[in-house]
Protein backbone atom coordinates (compact mmCIF):
# COMPACT_ATOMS: atom_id res chain seq x y z
CA MET A 1 -72.96 13.03 43.51
CA PHE A 2 -76.06 14.98 41.10
CA SER A 3 -79.96 14.81 41.63
CA ALA A 4 -81.54 12.73 39.18
CA ALA A 5 -83.90 16.15 37.91
CA ALA A 6 -80.20 17.44 37.26
CA GLY A 7 -78.92 14.29 35.54
CA ALA A 8 -82.43 14.62 33.32
CA ALA A 9 -81.75 18.17 32.64
CA ASN A 10 -78.34 17.64 31.72
CA ALA A 11 -79.54 14.64 29.48
CA PRO A 12 -78.69 15.52 25.89
CA GLU A 13 -74.74 16.57 27.02
CA VAL A 14 -74.32 13.69 28.34
CA ASP A 15 -75.35 11.96 24.79
CA ASP A 16 -73.31 14.79 22.58
CA ALA A 17 -70.23 14.25 24.89
CA GLN A 18 -70.40 10.50 24.63
CA LYS A 19 -71.18 10.38 21.18
CA ALA A 20 -67.48 12.54 20.68
CA ALA A 21 -65.85 10.68 23.44
CA GLN A 22 -66.81 7.38 21.17
CA SER A 23 -65.55 9.44 18.25
CA TRP A 24 -62.01 10.35 19.64
CA LEU A 25 -61.27 6.58 20.66
CA ALA A 26 -61.90 5.26 17.39
CA VAL A 27 -59.22 7.45 16.44
CA ALA A 28 -57.11 6.09 19.02
CA ASP A 29 -57.78 2.66 19.62
CA PRO A 30 -56.22 2.21 15.72
CA GLY A 31 -53.02 3.68 16.95
CA ASN A 32 -53.47 7.62 16.03
CA TYR A 33 -52.20 9.93 18.72
CA ALA A 34 -51.02 12.43 17.01
CA SER A 35 -54.40 12.99 16.04
CA THR A 36 -56.10 12.44 19.39
CA TRP A 37 -53.45 14.96 20.61
CA ASP A 38 -54.96 17.83 17.59
CA GLY A 39 -58.59 16.82 18.42
CA ALA A 40 -58.44 17.36 21.97
CA ALA A 41 -59.63 20.78 24.15
CA LYS A 42 -57.33 23.29 24.06
CA LEU A 43 -57.07 22.86 27.66
CA PHE A 44 -55.58 19.55 27.61
CA GLN A 45 -53.51 20.64 24.77
CA HIS A 46 -52.20 23.63 27.48
CA GLY A 47 -51.36 20.92 29.86
CA VAL A 48 -49.16 18.41 27.40
CA SER A 49 -47.70 18.88 24.32
CA LYS A 50 -48.29 17.01 21.52
CA GLU A 51 -44.80 15.09 21.41
CA GLU A 52 -45.64 14.33 25.22
CA TRP A 53 -48.87 12.98 24.63
CA VAL A 54 -48.46 10.37 21.61
CA LYS A 55 -45.01 8.98 23.81
CA ALA A 56 -47.37 8.55 26.27
CA LEU A 57 -50.14 6.53 24.59
CA SER A 58 -47.15 4.98 22.37
CA SER A 59 -45.78 3.44 25.97
CA LEU A 60 -48.97 2.25 26.84
CA ARG A 61 -51.90 1.44 24.64
CA PRO A 62 -49.55 -0.89 22.78
CA ALA A 63 -48.60 -3.01 26.07
CA LEU A 64 -52.85 -3.33 26.76
CA GLY A 65 -53.30 -4.75 22.94
CA GLN A 66 -56.72 -4.78 21.03
CA VAL A 67 -59.57 -3.58 22.99
CA ASN A 68 -61.99 -6.86 22.91
CA SER A 69 -64.91 -5.15 24.13
CA ARG A 70 -65.93 -1.49 25.24
CA LYS A 71 -69.17 -0.85 27.58
CA LEU A 72 -70.65 2.17 28.71
CA LYS A 73 -70.23 2.81 32.56
CA SER A 74 -71.50 6.69 33.09
CA GLY A 75 -71.54 9.43 31.53
CA GLN A 76 -72.09 12.87 34.22
CA TYR A 77 -72.25 16.44 33.79
CA SER A 78 -70.78 18.58 36.08
CA LYS A 79 -70.19 23.12 36.21
CA SER A 80 -66.41 22.41 38.07
CA LEU A 81 -64.37 19.56 38.67
CA PRO A 82 -61.01 19.29 41.08
CA GLY A 83 -58.08 21.37 39.50
CA LEU A 84 -60.03 22.29 36.02
CA PRO A 85 -61.93 25.75 35.82
CA ASP A 86 -65.59 26.03 35.84
CA GLY A 87 -66.37 25.00 32.63
CA ASP A 88 -69.33 22.28 31.24
CA TYR A 89 -67.42 19.21 31.56
CA VAL A 90 -69.16 16.04 31.38
CA ILE A 91 -66.57 12.31 32.73
CA VAL A 92 -67.73 9.37 30.43
CA GLN A 93 -66.35 6.27 32.00
CA TYR A 94 -65.57 2.76 29.88
CA ASP A 95 -65.89 -1.14 30.95
CA THR A 96 -63.36 -1.93 28.60
CA GLU A 97 -61.03 -5.23 27.99
CA PHE A 98 -57.72 -4.98 26.50
CA GLU A 99 -56.61 -8.11 25.00
CA LYS A 100 -53.57 -8.45 27.08
CA LYS A 101 -55.35 -6.51 30.48
CA ALA A 102 -59.63 -7.82 31.15
CA LYS A 103 -60.80 -5.64 33.12
CA SER A 104 -59.94 -1.78 33.21
CA ILE A 105 -62.09 1.09 33.24
CA GLU A 106 -61.43 4.00 30.62
CA THR A 107 -61.98 7.57 31.78
CA VAL A 108 -62.65 10.74 29.29
CA THR A 109 -63.18 13.75 30.27
CA LEU A 110 -65.15 16.74 27.89
CA LEU A 111 -65.31 20.16 27.84
CA ARG A 112 -67.72 22.26 25.89
CA GLU A 113 -65.65 24.65 24.49
CA ALA A 114 -66.78 27.54 23.13
CA ASP A 115 -67.31 26.70 19.72
CA GLY A 116 -69.78 23.79 21.11
CA ALA A 117 -68.12 21.05 20.83
CA TRP A 118 -67.56 18.77 23.23
CA ARG A 119 -63.46 17.91 23.06
CA VAL A 120 -61.67 15.40 25.64
CA ALA A 121 -59.62 17.47 28.16
CA GLY A 122 -59.08 14.45 29.71
CA TYR A 123 -58.45 10.00 29.10
CA PHE A 124 -57.22 8.26 31.71
CA ILE A 125 -57.05 4.14 31.81
CA ASN A 126 -57.03 2.38 35.32
């Protein structure tokens, strides 16, 4: 866990990353899966091919149905995450209600890339 002081010091980064996560999800929600890969971090793109990503989301998201609601649950800054190179990361979680799955947690991991932009480096639904 991070101290409150550390969280406050990184509040602008967390806010910027949350905005990037919301923009990315706005592309994913209507089914523009190829575009979500195009807008993801290079680290993400090196980990999964565009075709594999589109296939995975095409089988997962339609089975859940439309998003009925999505509420920000948390946003946490970190310099280090297991299995990933050190960098500037923000993990954003949402309590999400899908049409066919009432209680879900969406986790969007963002990485600040060399150009200063926050881009998605991971996406999971539990």
